Amino acid sequence: MDAEWSSAYRPAAELGCTAKYRGEQHCAALAVAVTSFGKRDGTRLVVARDFHGKIGTLTCGTGEPPRNELWRIACDAAGRQFQVVLTPNWNAEHHAHLHLELTAHDWVLAR
């Protein structure tokens, strides 16, 4: 599976990190905004089109299986490859991408 992304490194002046996590997130090149995933059969999973989420809805850990393949990708990445996974369920700024972030923290956030 390949991935298309819209941004990785962004300086703080371009909203690359929040004040609480200065020196982390995009402004430290520790996060990537993935907009789509290419499957082996040639089809693409596009976050803006195929995620089908709603702000405030829990993405992972609800006791129910993930709603679709993009939700499964997000939940599988949380705590394995990435400590922070933000989806269109998190807020309007993430409506078209999955935010995948590495941190030095020992907690995992998947929303």
PDB file of N, CA and C in Angstrom:
ATOM      1  N   MET A   1       0.853  -1.170   0.000  1.00  0.00           N
ATOM      2  CA  MET A   1       0.000   0.000   0.000  1.00  0.00           C
ATOM      3  C   MET A   1       0.901   1.235   0.000  1.00  0.00           C
ATOM      4  N   ASP A   2       0.617   2.169  -0.885  1.00  0.00           N
ATOM      5  CA  ASP A   2       1.370   3.421  -0.881  1.00  0.00           C
ATOM      6  C   ASP A   2       0.502   4.524  -0.287  1.00  0.00           C
ATOM      7  N   ALA A   3       1.105   5.634   0.028  1.00  0.00           N
ATOM      8  CA  ALA A   3       0.376   6.745   0.633  1.00  0.00           C
ATOM      9  C   ALA A   3       0.734   8.048  -0.062  1.00  0.00           C
ATOM     10  N   GLU A   4      -0.278   8.905  -0.235  1.00  0.00           N
ATOM     11  CA  GLU A   4      -0.044  10.282  -0.688  1.00  0.00           C
ATOM     12  C   GLU A   4      -0.224  11.183   0.517  1.00  0.00           C
ATOM     13  N   TRP A   5       0.613  12.185   0.616  1.00  0.00           N
ATOM     14  CA  TRP A   5       0.543  13.073   1.760  1.00  0.00           C
ATOM     15  C   TRP A   5       0.566  14.527   1.293  1.00  0.00           C
ATOM     16  N   SER A   6       0.007  15.395   2.126  1.00  0.00           N
ATOM     17  CA  SER A   6      -0.063  16.814   1.769  1.00  0.00           C
ATOM     18  C   SER A   6       0.962  17.649   2.516  1.00  0.00           C
ATOM     19  N   SER A   7       1.391  17.206   3.685  1.00  0.00           N
ATOM     20  CA  SER A   7       2.432  17.952   4.400  1.00  0.00           C
ATOM     21  C   SER A   7       3.103  17.053   5.424  1.00  0.00           C
ATOM     22  N   ALA A   8       4.332  17.381   5.685  1.00  0.00           N
ATOM     23  CA  ALA A   8       5.084  16.707   6.746  1.00  0.00           C
ATOM     24  C   ALA A   8       5.702  17.812   7.598  1.00  0.00           C
ATOM     25  N   TYR A   9       6.883  18.306   7.223  1.00  0.00           N
ATOM     26  CA  TYR A   9       7.468  19.407   7.974  1.00  0.00           C
ATOM     27  C   TYR A   9       6.740  20.714   7.651  1.00  0.00           C
ATOM     28  N   ARG A  10       6.344  21.427   8.691  1.00  0.00           N
ATOM     29  CA  ARG A  10       5.814  22.788   8.582  1.00  0.00           C
ATOM     30  C   ARG A  10       6.327  23.562   9.785  1.00  0.00           C
ATOM     31  N   PRO A  11       6.879  24.747   9.570  1.00  0.00           N
ATOM     32  CA  PRO A  11       7.345  25.525  10.719  1.00  0.00           C
ATOM     33  C   PRO A  11       6.169  25.993  11.580  1.00  0.00           C
ATOM     34  N   ALA A  12       6.468  26.385  12.787  1.00  0.00           N
ATOM     35  CA  ALA A  12       5.430  26.856  13.708  1.00  0.00           C
ATOM     36  C   ALA A  12       4.630  28.009  13.107  1.00  0.00           C
ATOM     37  N   ALA A  13       5.289  28.875  12.351  1.00  0.00           N
ATOM     38  CA  ALA A  13       4.618  30.013  11.727  1.00  0.00           C
ATOM     39  C   ALA A  13       3.549  29.568  10.723  1.00  0.00           C
ATOM     40  N   GLU A  14       3.663  28.347  10.227  1.00  0.00           N
ATOM     41  CA  GLU A  14       2.671  27.797   9.293  1.00  0.00           C
ATOM     42  C   GLU A  14       1.805  26.749   9.991  1.00  0.00           C
ATOM     43  N   LEU A  15       1.570  26.958  11.284  1.00  0.00           N
ATOM     44  CA  LEU A  15       0.744  26.071  12.102  1.00  0.00           C
ATOM     45  C   LEU A  15       1.283  24.644  12.136  1.00  0.00           C
ATOM     46  N   GLY A  16       2.599  24.532  12.224  1.00  0.00           N
ATOM     47  CA  GLY A  16       3.228  23.221  12.262  1.00  0.00           C
ATOM     48  C   GLY A  16       3.208  22.556  13.621  1.00  0.00           C
ATOM     49  N   CYS A  17       2.947  23.339  14.676  1.00  0.00           N
ATOM     50  CA  CYS A  17       2.852  22.750  16.009  1.00  0.00           C
ATOM     51  C   CYS A  17       2.055  23.678  16.919  1.00  0.00           C
ATOM     52  N   THR A  18       1.509  23.095  17.955  1.00  0.00           N
ATOM     53  CA  THR A  18       0.771  23.880  18.929  1.00  0.00           C
ATOM     54  C   THR A  18       1.733  24.349  20.019  1.00  0.00           C
ATOM     55  N   ALA A  19       1.349  25.372  20.755  1.00  0.00           N
ATOM     56  CA  ALA A  19       2.211  25.918  21.810  1.00  0.00           C
ATOM     57  C   ALA A  19       2.554  24.857  22.850  1.00  0.00           C
ATOM     58  N   LYS A  20       1.610  23.975  23.165  1.00  0.00           N
ATOM     59  CA  LYS A  20       1.835  22.944  24.176  1.00  0.00           C
ATOM     60  C   LYS A  20       2.916  21.949  23.746  1.00  0.00           C
ATOM     61  N   TYR A  21       3.009  21.698  22.442  1.00  0.00           N
ATOM     62  CA  TYR A  21       3.955  20.694  21.943  1.00  0.00           C
ATOM     63  C   TYR A  21       4.995  21.296  21.010  1.00  0.00           C
ATOM     64  N   ARG A  22       5.463  22.494  21.327  1.00  0.00           N
ATOM     65  CA  ARG A  22       6.475  23.141  20.512  1.00  0.00           C
ATOM     66  C   ARG A  22       7.703  22.236  20.416  1.00  0.00           C
ATOM     67  N   GLY A  23       8.224  22.098  19.239  1.00  0.00           N
ATOM     68  CA  GLY A  23       9.368  21.219  19.025  1.00  0.00           C
ATOM     69  C   GLY A  23       8.969  19.793  18.696  1.00  0.00           C
ATOM     70  N   GLU A  24       7.677  19.570  18.538  1.00  0.00           N
ATOM     71  CA  GLU A  24       7.165  18.256  18.159  1.00  0.00           C
ATOM     72  C   GLU A  24       6.263  18.441  16.939  1.00  0.00           C
ATOM     73  N   GLN A  25       5.423  17.522  16.674  1.00  0.00           N
ATOM     74  CA  GLN A  25       4.435  17.587  15.607  1.00  0.00           C
ATOM     75  C   GLN A  25       5.085  17.882  14.250  1.00  0.00           C
ATOM     76  N   HIS A  26       4.387  18.628  13.400  1.00  0.00           N
ATOM     77  CA  HIS A  26       4.908  18.934  12.065  1.00  0.00           C
ATOM     78  C   HIS A  26       6.148  19.823  12.113  1.00  0.00           C
ATOM     79  N   CYS A  27       6.237  20.720  13.110  1.00  0.00           N
ATOM     80  CA  CYS A  27       7.379  21.645  13.136  1.00  0.00           C
ATOM     81  C   CYS A  27       8.693  20.942  13.472  1.00  0.00           C
ATOM     82  N   ALA A  28       8.634  19.698  13.866  1.00  0.00           N
ATOM     83  CA  ALA A  28       9.855  18.906  14.079  1.00  0.00           C
ATOM     84  C   ALA A  28       9.935  17.758  13.072  1.00  0.00           C
ATOM     85  N   ALA A  29       9.089  17.801  12.049  1.00  0.00           N
ATOM     86  CA  ALA A  29       9.019  16.756  11.019  1.00  0.00           C
ATOM     87  C   ALA A  29       8.707  15.387  11.627  1.00  0.00           C
ATOM     88  N   LEU A  30       7.860  15.381  12.671  1.00  0.00           N
ATOM     89  CA  LEU A  30       7.466  14.136  13.325  1.00  0.00           C
ATOM     90  C   LEU A  30       6.030  13.734  12.997  1.00  0.00           C
ATOM     91  N   ALA A  31       5.372  14.504  12.121  1.00  0.00           N
ATOM     92  CA  ALA A  31       3.996  14.198  11.742  1.00  0.00           C
ATOM     93  C   ALA A  31       3.850  14.321  10.236  1.00  0.00           C
ATOM     94  N   VAL A  32       2.921  13.541   9.706  1.00  0.00           N
ATOM     95  CA  VAL A  32       2.613  13.596   8.283  1.00  0.00           C
ATOM     96  C   VAL A  32       1.097  13.592   8.125  1.00  0.00           C
ATOM     97  N   ALA A  33       0.607  14.358   7.164  1.00  0.00           N
ATOM     98  CA  ALA A  33      -0.814  14.413   6.841  1.00  0.00           C
ATOM     99  C   ALA A  33      -1.038  13.567   5.594  1.00  0.00           C
ATOM    100  N   VAL A  34      -1.615  12.375   5.774  1.00  0.00           N
ATOM    101  CA  VAL A  34      -1.817  11.433   4.669  1.00  0.00           C
ATOM    102  C   VAL A  34      -3.227  11.626   4.107  1.00  0.00           C
ATOM    103  N   THR A  35      -3.292  11.910   2.811  1.00  0.00           N
ATOM    104  CA  THR A  35      -4.577  12.196   2.169  1.00  0.00           C
ATOM    105  C   THR A  35      -5.207  10.992   1.490  1.00  0.00           C
ATOM    106  N   SER A  36      -4.382  10.008   1.091  1.00  0.00           N
ATOM    107  CA  SER A  36      -4.947   8.819   0.453  1.00  0.00           C
ATOM    108  C   SER A  36      -3.964   7.649   0.515  1.00  0.00           C
ATOM    109  N   PHE A  37      -4.513   6.472   0.317  1.00  0.00           N
ATOM    110  CA  PHE A  37      -3.728   5.238   0.307  1.00  0.00           C
ATOM    111  C   PHE A  37      -4.047   4.481  -0.968  1.00  0.00           C
ATOM    112  N   GLY A  38      -3.004   4.026  -1.664  1.00  0.00           N
ATOM    113  CA  GLY A  38      -3.194   3.222  -2.864  1.00  0.00           C
ATOM    114  C   GLY A  38      -3.140   1.747  -2.516  1.00  0.00           C
ATOM    115  N   LYS A  39      -4.121   1.006  -3.025  1.00  0.00           N
ATOM    116  CA  LYS A  39      -4.185  -0.428  -2.756  1.00  0.00           C
ATOM    117  C   LYS A  39      -3.529  -1.218  -3.884  1.00  0.00           C
ATOM    118  N   ARG A  40      -3.200  -2.450  -3.619  1.00  0.00           N
ATOM    119  CA  ARG A  40      -2.538  -3.291  -4.614  1.00  0.00           C
ATOM    120  C   ARG A  40      -3.379  -3.480  -5.873  1.00  0.00           C
ATOM    121  N   ASP A  41      -4.703  -3.428  -5.731  1.00  0.00           N
ATOM    122  CA  ASP A  41      -5.569  -3.630  -6.899  1.00  0.00           C
ATOM    123  C   ASP A  41      -5.704  -2.371  -7.758  1.00  0.00           C
ATOM    124  N   GLY A  42      -4.993  -1.303  -7.382  1.00  0.00           N
ATOM    125  CA  GLY A  42      -5.007  -0.071  -8.154  1.00  0.00           C
ATOM    126  C   GLY A  42      -6.014   0.965  -7.685  1.00  0.00           C
ATOM    127  N   THR A  43      -6.912   0.608  -6.782  1.00  0.00           N
ATOM    128  CA  THR A  43      -7.873   1.579  -6.270  1.00  0.00           C
ATOM    129  C   THR A  43      -7.222   2.427  -5.184  1.00  0.00           C
ATOM    130  N   ARG A  44      -7.829   3.569  -4.881  1.00  0.00           N
ATOM    131  CA  ARG A  44      -7.323   4.468  -3.847  1.00  0.00           C
ATOM    132  C   ARG A  44      -8.382   4.682  -2.788  1.00  0.00           C
ATOM    133  N   LEU A  45      -7.946   4.715  -1.551  1.00  0.00           N
ATOM    134  CA  LEU A  45      -8.786   5.115  -0.436  1.00  0.00           C
ATOM    135  C   LEU A  45      -8.451   6.578  -0.155  1.00  0.00           C
ATOM    136  N   VAL A  46      -9.389   7.466  -0.419  1.00  0.00           N
ATOM    137  CA  VAL A  46      -9.181   8.902  -0.250  1.00  0.00           C
ATOM    138  C   VAL A  46      -9.887   9.332   1.038  1.00  0.00           C
ATOM    139  N   VAL A  47      -9.147   9.894   1.955  1.00  0.00           N
ATOM    140  CA  VAL A  47      -9.696  10.235   3.264  1.00  0.00           C
ATOM    141  C   VAL A  47     -10.913  11.148   3.133  1.00  0.00           C
ATOM    142  N   ALA A  48     -10.819  12.215   2.352  1.00  0.00           N
ATOM    143  CA  ALA A  48     -11.929  13.162   2.226  1.00  0.00           C
ATOM    144  C   ALA A  48     -13.198  12.497   1.674  1.00  0.00           C
ATOM    145  N   ARG A  49     -13.032  11.492   0.859  1.00  0.00           N
ATOM    146  CA  ARG A  49     -14.176  10.829   0.215  1.00  0.00           C
ATOM    147  C   ARG A  49     -14.634   9.566   0.942  1.00  0.00           C
ATOM    148  N   ASP A  50     -13.692   8.820   1.495  1.00  0.00           N
ATOM    149  CA  ASP A  50     -14.001   7.464   1.948  1.00  0.00           C
ATOM    150  C   ASP A  50     -13.996   7.236   3.458  1.00  0.00           C
ATOM    151  N   PHE A  51     -13.604   8.213   4.248  1.00  0.00           N
ATOM    152  CA  PHE A  51     -13.519   7.979   5.696  1.00  0.00           C
ATOM    153  C   PHE A  51     -14.906   7.866   6.337  1.00  0.00           C
ATOM    154  N   HIS A  52     -15.831   8.714   5.969  1.00  0.00           N
ATOM    155  CA  HIS A  52     -17.220   8.698   6.464  1.00  0.00           C
ATOM    156  C   HIS A  52     -17.303   8.823   7.986  1.00  0.00           C
ATOM    157  N   GLY A  53     -16.669   9.849   8.503  1.00  0.00           N
ATOM    158  CA  GLY A  53     -16.692  10.076   9.939  1.00  0.00           C
ATOM    159  C   GLY A  53     -17.557  11.262  10.309  1.00  0.00           C
ATOM    160  N   LYS A  54     -17.521  11.586  11.579  1.00  0.00           N
ATOM    161  CA  LYS A  54     -18.263  12.731  12.109  1.00  0.00           C
ATOM    162  C   LYS A  54     -17.479  13.270  13.299  1.00  0.00           C
ATOM    163  N   ILE A  55     -17.277  14.559  13.329  1.00  0.00           N
ATOM    164  CA  ILE A  55     -16.531  15.177  14.429  1.00  0.00           C
ATOM    165  C   ILE A  55     -17.153  14.767  15.761  1.00  0.00           C
ATOM    166  N   GLY A  56     -16.298  14.324  16.674  1.00  0.00           N
ATOM    167  CA  GLY A  56     -16.736  13.896  17.996  1.00  0.00           C
ATOM    168  C   GLY A  56     -16.940  12.394  18.127  1.00  0.00           C
ATOM    169  N   THR A  57     -16.970  11.678  17.014  1.00  0.00           N
ATOM    170  CA  THR A  57     -17.128  10.225  17.050  1.00  0.00           C
ATOM    171  C   THR A  57     -15.795   9.573  17.374  1.00  0.00           C
ATOM    172  N   LEU A  58     -15.788   8.616  18.286  1.00  0.00           N
ATOM    173  CA  LEU A  58     -14.560   7.885  18.583  1.00  0.00           C
ATOM    174  C   LEU A  58     -14.205   7.013  17.388  1.00  0.00           C
ATOM    175  N   THR A  59     -12.948   7.025  17.013  1.00  0.00           N
ATOM    176  CA  THR A  59     -12.485   6.244  15.869  1.00  0.00           C
ATOM    177  C   THR A  59     -12.087   4.840  16.286  1.00  0.00           C
ATOM    178  N   CYS A  60     -11.440   4.723  17.424  1.00  0.00           N
ATOM    179  CA  CYS A  60     -10.905   3.431  17.871  1.00  0.00           C
ATOM    180  C   CYS A  60     -11.330   3.177  19.320  1.00  0.00           C
ATOM    181  N   GLY A  61     -11.261   1.917  19.706  1.00  0.00           N
ATOM    182  CA  GLY A  61     -11.476   1.566  21.099  1.00  0.00           C
ATOM    183  C   GLY A  61     -12.910   1.596  21.558  1.00  0.00           C
ATOM    184  N   THR A  62     -13.856   1.501  20.645  1.00  0.00           N
ATOM    185  CA  THR A  62     -15.267   1.552  21.029  1.00  0.00           C
ATOM    186  C   THR A  62     -15.828   0.168  21.349  1.00  0.00           C
ATOM    187  N   GLY A  63     -15.036  -0.880  21.128  1.00  0.00           N
ATOM    188  CA  GLY A  63     -15.526  -2.233  21.309  1.00  0.00           C
ATOM    189  C   GLY A  63     -16.160  -2.798  20.052  1.00  0.00           C
ATOM    190  N   GLU A  64     -16.390  -1.929  19.088  1.00  0.00           N
ATOM    191  CA  GLU A  64     -16.935  -2.356  17.798  1.00  0.00           C
ATOM    192  C   GLU A  64     -15.804  -2.385  16.781  1.00  0.00           C
ATOM    193  N   PRO A  65     -15.933  -3.233  15.741  1.00  0.00           N
ATOM    194  CA  PRO A  65     -14.889  -3.228  14.710  1.00  0.00           C
ATOM    195  C   PRO A  65     -14.878  -1.894  13.971  1.00  0.00           C
ATOM    196  N   PRO A  66     -13.722  -1.516  13.413  1.00  0.00           N
ATOM    197  CA  PRO A  66     -13.656  -0.263  12.637  1.00  0.00           C
ATOM    198  C   PRO A  66     -14.704  -0.252  11.538  1.00  0.00           C
ATOM    199  N   ARG A  67     -15.259   0.924  11.259  1.00  0.00           N
ATOM    200  CA  ARG A  67     -16.363   1.057  10.303  1.00  0.00           C
ATOM    201  C   ARG A  67     -15.980   0.735   8.866  1.00  0.00           C
ATOM    202  N   ASN A  68     -14.750   1.043   8.489  1.00  0.00           N
ATOM    203  CA  ASN A  68     -14.323   0.758   7.117  1.00  0.00           C
ATOM    204  C   ASN A  68     -12.802   0.632   7.086  1.00  0.00           C
ATOM    205  N   GLU A  69     -12.269   0.454   5.904  1.00  0.00           N
ATOM    206  CA  GLU A  69     -10.833   0.192   5.766  1.00  0.00           C
ATOM    207  C   GLU A  69      -9.970   1.350   6.256  1.00  0.00           C
ATOM    208  N   LEU A  70     -10.377   2.590   6.027  1.00  0.00           N
ATOM    209  CA  LEU A  70      -9.589   3.729   6.517  1.00  0.00           C
ATOM    210  C   LEU A  70      -9.601   3.801   8.036  1.00  0.00           C
ATOM    211  N   TRP A  71     -10.737   3.503   8.642  1.00  0.00           N
ATOM    212  CA  TRP A  71     -10.792   3.487  10.105  1.00  0.00           C
ATOM    213  C   TRP A  71      -9.853   2.401  10.628  1.00  0.00           C
ATOM    214  N   ARG A  72      -9.816   1.240   9.971  1.00  0.00           N
ATOM    215  CA  ARG A  72      -8.950   0.141  10.390  1.00  0.00           C
ATOM    216  C   ARG A  72      -7.476   0.544  10.265  1.00  0.00           C
ATOM    217  N   ILE A  73      -7.130   1.235   9.170  1.00  0.00           N
ATOM    218  CA  ILE A  73      -5.745   1.704   8.995  1.00  0.00           C
ATOM    219  C   ILE A  73      -5.366   2.637  10.142  1.00  0.00           C
ATOM    220  N   ALA A  74      -6.244   3.586  10.465  1.00  0.00           N
ATOM    221  CA  ALA A  74      -5.975   4.540  11.548  1.00  0.00           C
ATOM    222  C   ALA A  74      -5.802   3.822  12.878  1.00  0.00           C
ATOM    223  N   CYS A  75      -6.695   2.908  13.190  1.00  0.00           N
ATOM    224  CA  CYS A  75      -6.630   2.212  14.476  1.00  0.00           C
ATOM    225  C   CYS A  75      -5.428   1.274  14.550  1.00  0.00           C
ATOM    226  N   ASP A  76      -5.103   0.619  13.448  1.00  0.00           N
ATOM    227  CA  ASP A  76      -3.930  -0.268  13.437  1.00  0.00           C
ATOM    228  C   ASP A  76      -2.637   0.514  13.619  1.00  0.00           C
ATOM    229  N   ALA A  77      -2.580   1.745  13.121  1.00  0.00           N
ATOM    230  CA  ALA A  77      -1.367   2.563  13.243  1.00  0.00           C
ATOM    231  C   ALA A  77      -1.182   3.105  14.660  1.00  0.00           C
ATOM    232  N   ALA A  78      -2.275   3.321  15.369  1.00  0.00           N
ATOM    233  CA  ALA A  78      -2.217   3.913  16.708  1.00  0.00           C
ATOM    234  C   ALA A  78      -1.541   2.963  17.689  1.00  0.00           C
ATOM    235  N   GLY A  79      -0.449   3.431  18.266  1.00  0.00           N
ATOM    236  CA  GLY A  79       0.260   2.653  19.253  1.00  0.00           C
ATOM    237  C   GLY A  79       1.247   1.661  18.665  1.00  0.00           C
ATOM    238  N   ARG A  80       1.208   1.480  17.383  1.00  0.00           N
ATOM    239  CA  ARG A  80       2.172   0.589  16.735  1.00  0.00           C
ATOM    240  C   ARG A  80       3.223   1.449  16.053  1.00  0.00           C
ATOM    241  N   GLN A  81       2.860   2.042  14.921  1.00  0.00           N
ATOM    242  CA  GLN A  81       3.811   2.894  14.219  1.00  0.00           C
ATOM    243  C   GLN A  81       3.772   4.331  14.738  1.00  0.00           C
ATOM    244  N   PHE A  82       2.612   4.786  15.217  1.00  0.00           N
ATOM    245  CA  PHE A  82       2.434   6.193  15.594  1.00  0.00           C
ATOM    246  C   PHE A  82       1.765   6.301  16.961  1.00  0.00           C
ATOM    247  N   GLN A  83       2.174   7.323  17.722  1.00  0.00           N
ATOM    248  CA  GLN A  83       1.554   7.559  19.024  1.00  0.00           C
ATOM    249  C   GLN A  83       0.338   8.476  18.932  1.00  0.00           C
ATOM    250  N   VAL A  84       0.267   9.302  17.907  1.00  0.00           N
ATOM    251  CA  VAL A  84      -0.877  10.193  17.726  1.00  0.00           C
ATOM    252  C   VAL A  84      -1.444   9.959  16.329  1.00  0.00           C
ATOM    253  N   VAL A  85      -2.729   9.636  16.284  1.00  0.00           N
ATOM    254  CA  VAL A  85      -3.448   9.460  15.024  1.00  0.00           C
ATOM    255  C   VAL A  85      -4.722  10.285  15.123  1.00  0.00           C
ATOM    256  N   LEU A  86      -4.810  11.314  14.295  1.00  0.00           N
ATOM    257  CA  LEU A  86      -6.000  12.160  14.270  1.00  0.00           C
ATOM    258  C   LEU A  86      -6.707  11.976  12.930  1.00  0.00           C
ATOM    259  N   THR A  87      -8.018  11.876  12.970  1.00  0.00           N
ATOM    260  CA  THR A  87      -8.823  11.589  11.783  1.00  0.00           C
ATOM    261  C   THR A  87      -9.838  12.703  11.564  1.00  0.00           C
ATOM    262  N   PRO A  88     -10.654  12.612  10.523  1.00  0.00           N
ATOM    263  CA  PRO A  88     -11.734  13.592  10.350  1.00  0.00           C
ATOM    264  C   PRO A  88     -12.705  13.629  11.532  1.00  0.00           C
ATOM    265  N   ASN A  89     -12.703  12.623  12.390  1.00  0.00           N
ATOM    266  CA  ASN A  89     -13.541  12.642  13.585  1.00  0.00           C
ATOM    267  C   ASN A  89     -13.029  13.620  14.637  1.00  0.00           C
ATOM    268  N   TRP A  90     -11.784  14.048  14.527  1.00  0.00           N
ATOM    269  CA  TRP A  90     -11.165  14.906  15.540  1.00  0.00           C
ATOM    270  C   TRP A  90     -11.659  16.347  15.428  1.00  0.00           C
ATOM    271  N   ASN A  91     -11.474  16.951  14.239  1.00  0.00           N
ATOM    272  CA  ASN A  91     -11.934  18.338  14.051  1.00  0.00           C
ATOM    273  C   ASN A  91     -11.981  18.666  12.557  1.00  0.00           C
ATOM    274  N   ALA A  92     -12.501  19.833  12.226  1.00  0.00           N
ATOM    275  CA  ALA A  92     -12.665  20.232  10.819  1.00  0.00           C
ATOM    276  C   ALA A  92     -11.339  20.351  10.089  1.00  0.00           C
ATOM    277  N   GLU A  93     -10.265  20.709  10.803  1.00  0.00           N
ATOM    278  CA  GLU A  93      -8.957  20.859  10.166  1.00  0.00           C
ATOM    279  C   GLU A  93      -8.423  19.528   9.624  1.00  0.00           C
ATOM    280  N   HIS A  94      -8.936  18.424  10.124  1.00  0.00           N
ATOM    281  CA  HIS A  94      -8.468  17.106   9.690  1.00  0.00           C
ATOM    282  C   HIS A  94      -9.491  16.406   8.782  1.00  0.00           C
ATOM    283  N   HIS A  95     -10.347  17.152   8.128  1.00  0.00           N
ATOM    284  CA  HIS A  95     -11.424  16.560   7.326  1.00  0.00           C
ATOM    285  C   HIS A  95     -10.927  15.769   6.116  1.00  0.00           C
ATOM    286  N   ALA A  96      -9.731  16.048   5.646  1.00  0.00           N
ATOM    287  CA  ALA A  96      -9.266  15.420   4.407  1.00  0.00           C
ATOM    288  C   ALA A  96      -7.981  14.620   4.568  1.00  0.00           C
ATOM    289  N   HIS A  97      -7.574  14.354   5.819  1.00  0.00           N
ATOM    290  CA  HIS A  97      -6.336  13.589   5.986  1.00  0.00           C
ATOM    291  C   HIS A  97      -6.291  12.882   7.339  1.00  0.00           C
ATOM    292  N   LEU A  98      -5.407  11.912   7.420  1.00  0.00           N
ATOM    293  CA  LEU A  98      -5.062  11.295   8.698  1.00  0.00           C
ATOM    294  C   LEU A  98      -3.747  11.918   9.154  1.00  0.00           C
ATOM    295  N   HIS A  99      -3.727  12.410  10.360  1.00  0.00           N
ATOM    296  CA  HIS A  99      -2.523  12.978  10.966  1.00  0.00           C
ATOM    297  C   HIS A  99      -1.837  11.826  11.695  1.00  0.00           C
ATOM    298  N   LEU A 100      -0.662  11.452  11.240  1.00  0.00           N
ATOM    299  CA  LEU A 100       0.104  10.350  11.824  1.00  0.00           C
ATOM    300  C   LEU A 100       1.381  10.928  12.415  1.00  0.00           C
ATOM    301  N   GLU A 101       1.559  10.754  13.714  1.00  0.00           N
ATOM    302  CA  GLU A 101       2.651  11.443  14.415  1.00  0.00           C
ATOM    303  C   GLU A 101       3.433  10.513  15.337  1.00  0.00           C
ATOM    304  N   LEU A 102       4.737  10.689  15.314  1.00  0.00           N
ATOM    305  CA  LEU A 102       5.639  10.029  16.252  1.00  0.00           C
ATOM    306  C   LEU A 102       5.881  10.972  17.421  1.00  0.00           C
ATOM    307  N   THR A 103       5.951  10.433  18.611  1.00  0.00           N
ATOM    308  CA  THR A 103       6.277  11.261  19.778  1.00  0.00           C
ATOM    309  C   THR A 103       7.258  10.505  20.668  1.00  0.00           C
ATOM    310  N   ALA A 104       7.802  11.221  21.633  1.00  0.00           N
ATOM    311  CA  ALA A 104       8.658  10.602  22.639  1.00  0.00           C
ATOM    312  C   ALA A 104       7.844  10.258  23.886  1.00  0.00           C
ATOM    313  N   HIS A 105       6.549  10.514  23.846  1.00  0.00           N
ATOM    314  CA  HIS A 105       5.672  10.271  25.004  1.00  0.00           C
ATOM    315  C   HIS A 105       5.293   8.804  25.084  1.00  0.00           C
ATOM    316  N   ASP A 106       4.866   8.386  26.254  1.00  0.00           N
ATOM    317  CA  ASP A 106       4.475   6.984  26.435  1.00  0.00           C
ATOM    318  C   ASP A 106       2.965   6.788  26.359  1.00  0.00           C
ATOM    319  N   TRP A 107       2.241   7.778  25.857  1.00  0.00           N
ATOM    320  CA  TRP A 107       0.797   7.651  25.703  1.00  0.00           C
ATOM    321  C   TRP A 107       0.448   7.582  24.232  1.00  0.00           C
ATOM    322  N   VAL A 108      -0.768   7.112  23.946  1.00  0.00           N
ATOM    323  CA  VAL A 108      -1.261   7.004  22.570  1.00  0.00           C
ATOM    324  C   VAL A 108      -2.584   7.744  22.492  1.00  0.00           C
ATOM    325  N   LEU A 109      -2.754   8.532  21.442  1.00  0.00           N
ATOM    326  CA  LEU A 109      -4.008   9.240  21.202  1.00  0.00           C
ATOM    327  C   LEU A 109      -4.493   8.873  19.814  1.00  0.00           C
ATOM    328  N   ALA A 110      -5.685   8.331  19.725  1.00  0.00           N
ATOM    329  CA  ALA A 110      -6.302   8.002  18.434  1.00  0.00           C
ATOM    330  C   ALA A 110      -7.709   8.567  18.454  1.00  0.00           C
ATOM    331  N   ARG A 111      -7.949   9.573  17.641  1.00  0.00           N
ATOM    332  CA  ARG A 111      -9.259  10.223  17.576  1.00  0.00           C
ATOM    333  C   ARG A 111      -9.695  10.398  16.161  1.00  0.00           C
TER     334      ARG A 111
END
